Amino acid sequence: SSDLRGDQEDFLYTKRCTSQLPDLYIDVHDSCMVSKMRDYLLAVENLTDRRCQYTLDSTVRLVRRLFIIMAKFCQAEPAFWTNKCSLL
């Protein structure tokens, strides 16, 4: 019973923090994805809710890792050359 209450409290805390995050849609075949992820990182880094700092920091680290992988390794792929920014 107490475990369930703790899980519910964790869920509510996480939900409150993640509700502040902007939506991120990724198409790994689109070259606009790199600029969209850069904009997303800037938006998340500028959120200032101190109560959610750990959640935001871990999200930034994960998205930054994905950004580095996509920017370095995928730009040489022919499938990465589409450019449909308006769809993302």
N, C-alpha and C. Protein backbone atom coordinates (compact mmCIF):
# COMPACT_ATOMS: atom_id res chain seq x y z
N SER A 1 0.83 -1.20 0.00
CA SER A 1 0.00 0.00 0.00
C SER A 1 0.87 1.26 0.00
N SER A 2 1.88 1.27 0.88
CA SER A 2 2.75 2.46 0.92
C SER A 2 3.60 2.55 -0.35
N ASP A 3 3.95 1.39 -0.94
CA ASP A 3 4.69 1.40 -2.20
C ASP A 3 3.87 2.03 -3.31
N LEU A 4 2.57 1.71 -3.33
CA LEU A 4 1.70 2.27 -4.35
C LEU A 4 1.57 3.78 -4.20
N ARG A 5 1.47 4.25 -2.96
CA ARG A 5 1.40 5.69 -2.73
C ARG A 5 2.68 6.38 -3.17
N GLY A 6 3.81 5.74 -2.89
CA GLY A 6 5.09 6.30 -3.31
C GLY A 6 5.20 6.36 -4.83
N ASP A 7 4.74 5.29 -5.50
CA ASP A 7 4.76 5.28 -6.96
C ASP A 7 3.85 6.36 -7.53
N GLN A 8 2.69 6.54 -6.91
CA GLN A 8 1.77 7.56 -7.38
C GLN A 8 2.37 8.95 -7.19
N GLU A 9 3.03 9.18 -6.06
CA GLU A 9 3.66 10.48 -5.83
C GLU A 9 4.78 10.73 -6.84
N ASP A 10 5.57 9.69 -7.13
CA ASP A 10 6.63 9.82 -8.14
C ASP A 10 6.04 10.14 -9.51
N PHE A 11 4.94 9.47 -9.85
CA PHE A 11 4.29 9.70 -11.13
C PHE A 11 3.79 11.14 -11.23
N LEU A 12 3.14 11.62 -10.18
CA LEU A 12 2.61 12.98 -10.21
C LEU A 12 3.74 14.00 -10.31
N TYR A 13 4.84 13.76 -9.60
CA TYR A 13 6.00 14.66 -9.66
C TYR A 13 6.58 14.67 -11.07
N THR A 14 6.78 13.49 -11.64
CA THR A 14 7.35 13.39 -12.98
C THR A 14 6.41 13.99 -14.02
N LYS A 15 5.11 13.74 -13.86
CA LYS A 15 4.14 14.29 -14.80
C LYS A 15 4.15 15.81 -14.77
N ARG A 16 4.25 16.39 -13.58
CA ARG A 16 4.30 17.85 -13.46
C ARG A 16 5.52 18.40 -14.17
N CYS A 17 6.65 17.72 -14.03
CA CYS A 17 7.89 18.20 -14.65
C CYS A 17 7.89 17.99 -16.16
N THR A 18 7.45 16.83 -16.60
CA THR A 18 7.49 16.55 -18.04
C THR A 18 6.42 17.30 -18.81
N SER A 19 5.38 17.75 -18.14
CA SER A 19 4.35 18.53 -18.84
C SER A 19 4.89 19.87 -19.31
N GLN A 20 6.00 20.32 -18.73
CA GLN A 20 6.62 21.58 -19.14
C GLN A 20 7.48 21.43 -20.40
N LEU A 21 7.84 20.19 -20.73
CA LEU A 21 8.72 19.96 -21.87
C LEU A 21 7.97 20.16 -23.18
N PRO A 22 8.61 20.81 -24.14
CA PRO A 22 7.97 20.92 -25.46
C PRO A 22 7.96 19.56 -26.14
N ASP A 23 7.03 19.38 -27.07
CA ASP A 23 6.96 18.13 -27.82
C ASP A 23 8.15 18.05 -28.77
N LEU A 24 8.64 16.85 -28.98
CA LEU A 24 9.75 16.63 -29.90
C LEU A 24 9.39 15.47 -30.82
N TYR A 25 9.32 15.77 -32.11
CA TYR A 25 9.04 14.75 -33.12
C TYR A 25 10.30 14.58 -33.95
N ILE A 26 10.76 13.34 -34.08
CA ILE A 26 12.02 13.08 -34.77
C ILE A 26 11.77 12.16 -35.96
N ASP A 27 12.25 12.58 -37.11
CA ASP A 27 12.30 11.72 -38.29
C ASP A 27 13.78 11.56 -38.60
N VAL A 28 14.31 10.40 -38.36
CA VAL A 28 15.76 10.20 -38.48
C VAL A 28 16.25 10.31 -39.92
N HIS A 29 15.35 10.40 -40.88
CA HIS A 29 15.76 10.51 -42.28
C HIS A 29 15.72 11.95 -42.77
N ASP A 30 15.45 12.90 -41.91
CA ASP A 30 15.28 14.29 -42.32
C ASP A 30 16.41 15.14 -41.78
N SER A 31 17.05 15.90 -42.65
CA SER A 31 18.17 16.74 -42.22
C SER A 31 17.73 17.86 -41.29
N CYS A 32 16.47 18.22 -41.29
CA CYS A 32 15.98 19.27 -40.38
C CYS A 32 15.97 18.80 -38.93
N MET A 33 16.07 17.51 -38.73
CA MET A 33 16.02 16.96 -37.38
C MET A 33 17.12 17.55 -36.50
N VAL A 34 18.30 17.79 -37.06
CA VAL A 34 19.41 18.32 -36.27
C VAL A 34 19.07 19.71 -35.74
N SER A 35 18.55 20.58 -36.60
CA SER A 35 18.19 21.92 -36.13
C SER A 35 17.00 21.88 -35.17
N LYS A 36 16.06 20.98 -35.41
CA LYS A 36 14.91 20.84 -34.49
C LYS A 36 15.38 20.37 -33.11
N MET A 37 16.32 19.43 -33.07
CA MET A 37 16.83 18.96 -31.79
C MET A 37 17.63 20.05 -31.09
N ARG A 38 18.37 20.85 -31.84
CA ARG A 38 19.12 21.96 -31.25
C ARG A 38 18.15 22.97 -30.62
N ASP A 39 17.06 23.29 -31.33
CA ASP A 39 16.05 24.19 -30.78
C ASP A 39 15.40 23.60 -29.54
N TYR A 40 15.14 22.30 -29.56
CA TYR A 40 14.54 21.62 -28.41
C TYR A 40 15.47 21.71 -27.20
N LEU A 41 16.75 21.46 -27.41
CA LEU A 41 17.72 21.54 -26.30
C LEU A 41 17.75 22.94 -25.71
N LEU A 42 17.74 23.96 -26.55
CA LEU A 42 17.73 25.33 -26.04
C LEU A 42 16.47 25.61 -25.23
N ALA A 43 15.33 25.13 -25.72
CA ALA A 43 14.07 25.35 -25.00
C ALA A 43 14.08 24.65 -23.64
N VAL A 44 14.56 23.42 -23.59
CA VAL A 44 14.57 22.67 -22.33
C VAL A 44 15.60 23.26 -21.36
N GLU A 45 16.75 23.68 -21.87
CA GLU A 45 17.77 24.26 -21.00
C GLU A 45 17.31 25.57 -20.39
N ASN A 46 16.36 26.26 -21.02
CA ASN A 46 15.88 27.54 -20.50
C ASN A 46 14.69 27.41 -19.56
N LEU A 47 14.21 26.19 -19.32
CA LEU A 47 13.16 26.00 -18.32
C LEU A 47 13.78 26.19 -16.94
N THR A 48 13.10 26.89 -16.07
CA THR A 48 13.73 27.30 -14.81
C THR A 48 13.05 26.77 -13.55
N ASP A 49 12.19 25.80 -13.66
CA ASP A 49 11.52 25.26 -12.47
C ASP A 49 12.54 24.45 -11.65
N ARG A 50 12.96 24.98 -10.53
CA ARG A 50 13.99 24.34 -9.70
C ARG A 50 13.54 22.98 -9.18
N ARG A 51 12.25 22.81 -8.94
CA ARG A 51 11.76 21.54 -8.42
C ARG A 51 11.94 20.41 -9.43
N CYS A 52 12.06 20.75 -10.69
CA CYS A 52 12.18 19.75 -11.74
C CYS A 52 13.59 19.69 -12.33
N GLN A 53 14.54 20.30 -11.69
CA GLN A 53 15.87 20.42 -12.28
C GLN A 53 16.50 19.07 -12.60
N TYR A 54 16.37 18.09 -11.72
CA TYR A 54 16.96 16.78 -11.99
C TYR A 54 16.35 16.15 -13.23
N THR A 55 15.02 16.19 -13.34
CA THR A 55 14.34 15.62 -14.50
C THR A 55 14.75 16.34 -15.77
N LEU A 56 14.83 17.66 -15.71
CA LEU A 56 15.22 18.43 -16.88
C LEU A 56 16.67 18.16 -17.27
N ASP A 57 17.55 18.09 -16.29
CA ASP A 57 18.97 17.83 -16.57
C ASP A 57 19.16 16.47 -17.22
N SER A 58 18.47 15.46 -16.71
CA SER A 58 18.62 14.12 -17.30
C SER A 58 18.03 14.09 -18.71
N THR A 59 16.95 14.81 -18.94
CA THR A 59 16.37 14.88 -20.28
C THR A 59 17.32 15.56 -21.25
N VAL A 60 17.93 16.65 -20.81
CA VAL A 60 18.89 17.37 -21.65
C VAL A 60 20.06 16.46 -22.00
N ARG A 61 20.57 15.71 -21.03
CA ARG A 61 21.70 14.81 -21.30
C ARG A 61 21.32 13.75 -22.34
N LEU A 62 20.15 13.16 -22.20
CA LEU A 62 19.71 12.13 -23.15
C LEU A 62 19.52 12.69 -24.56
N VAL A 63 18.86 13.84 -24.65
CA VAL A 63 18.63 14.44 -25.97
C VAL A 63 19.94 14.90 -26.58
N ARG A 64 20.85 15.41 -25.77
CA ARG A 64 22.15 15.85 -26.29
C ARG A 64 22.93 14.65 -26.85
N ARG A 65 22.88 13.52 -26.17
CA ARG A 65 23.55 12.31 -26.69
C ARG A 65 22.97 11.90 -28.04
N LEU A 66 21.65 11.88 -28.11
CA LEU A 66 20.99 11.53 -29.37
C LEU A 66 21.34 12.54 -30.46
N PHE A 67 21.37 13.81 -30.11
CA PHE A 67 21.73 14.87 -31.05
C PHE A 67 23.13 14.64 -31.62
N ILE A 68 24.09 14.32 -30.75
CA ILE A 68 25.47 14.10 -31.19
C ILE A 68 25.54 12.89 -32.13
N ILE A 69 24.86 11.83 -31.76
CA ILE A 69 24.84 10.64 -32.62
C ILE A 69 24.26 10.97 -33.98
N MET A 70 23.12 11.65 -33.99
CA MET A 70 22.46 11.96 -35.25
C MET A 70 23.28 12.94 -36.08
N ALA A 71 23.86 13.94 -35.46
CA ALA A 71 24.62 14.95 -36.19
C ALA A 71 25.90 14.38 -36.77
N LYS A 72 26.56 13.51 -36.04
CA LYS A 72 27.85 12.99 -36.51
C LYS A 72 27.72 11.83 -37.48
N PHE A 73 26.84 10.91 -37.19
CA PHE A 73 26.83 9.66 -37.93
C PHE A 73 25.79 9.60 -39.05
N CYS A 74 24.75 10.36 -38.95
CA CYS A 74 23.67 10.19 -39.93
C CYS A 74 23.75 11.15 -41.11
N GLN A 75 24.51 12.22 -41.01
CA GLN A 75 24.53 13.19 -42.10
C GLN A 75 25.17 12.63 -43.37
N ALA A 76 25.97 11.61 -43.28
CA ALA A 76 26.59 11.02 -44.46
C ALA A 76 25.67 10.04 -45.17
N GLU A 77 24.57 9.70 -44.56
CA GLU A 77 23.65 8.73 -45.15
C GLU A 77 22.79 9.39 -46.22
N PRO A 78 22.63 8.77 -47.38
CA PRO A 78 21.78 9.33 -48.44
C PRO A 78 20.33 9.52 -47.98
N ALA A 79 19.84 8.66 -47.12
CA ALA A 79 18.46 8.77 -46.65
C ALA A 79 18.26 9.98 -45.75
N PHE A 80 19.35 10.59 -45.31
CA PHE A 80 19.27 11.73 -44.39
C PHE A 80 19.12 13.05 -45.14
N TRP A 81 19.05 13.01 -46.44
CA TRP A 81 19.07 14.24 -47.21
C TRP A 81 17.69 14.82 -47.50
N THR A 82 16.63 14.21 -47.06
CA THR A 82 15.32 14.81 -47.26
C THR A 82 15.20 16.03 -46.37
N ASN A 83 14.32 16.94 -46.74
CA ASN A 83 14.23 18.19 -46.01
C ASN A 83 12.77 18.61 -45.92
N LYS A 84 12.07 18.06 -44.96
CA LYS A 84 10.65 18.36 -44.78
C LYS A 84 10.43 18.95 -43.40
N CYS A 85 11.02 20.11 -43.17
CA CYS A 85 10.99 20.73 -41.85
C CYS A 85 9.57 21.00 -41.36
N SER A 86 8.69 21.37 -42.25
CA SER A 86 7.34 21.71 -41.83
C SER A 86 6.59 20.52 -41.24
N LEU A 87 7.01 19.31 -41.57
CA LEU A 87 6.34 18.13 -41.05
C LEU A 87 6.78 17.76 -39.64
N LEU A 88 7.93 18.26 -39.20
CA LEU A 88 8.45 17.90 -37.88
C LEU A 88 7.86 18.77 -36.80
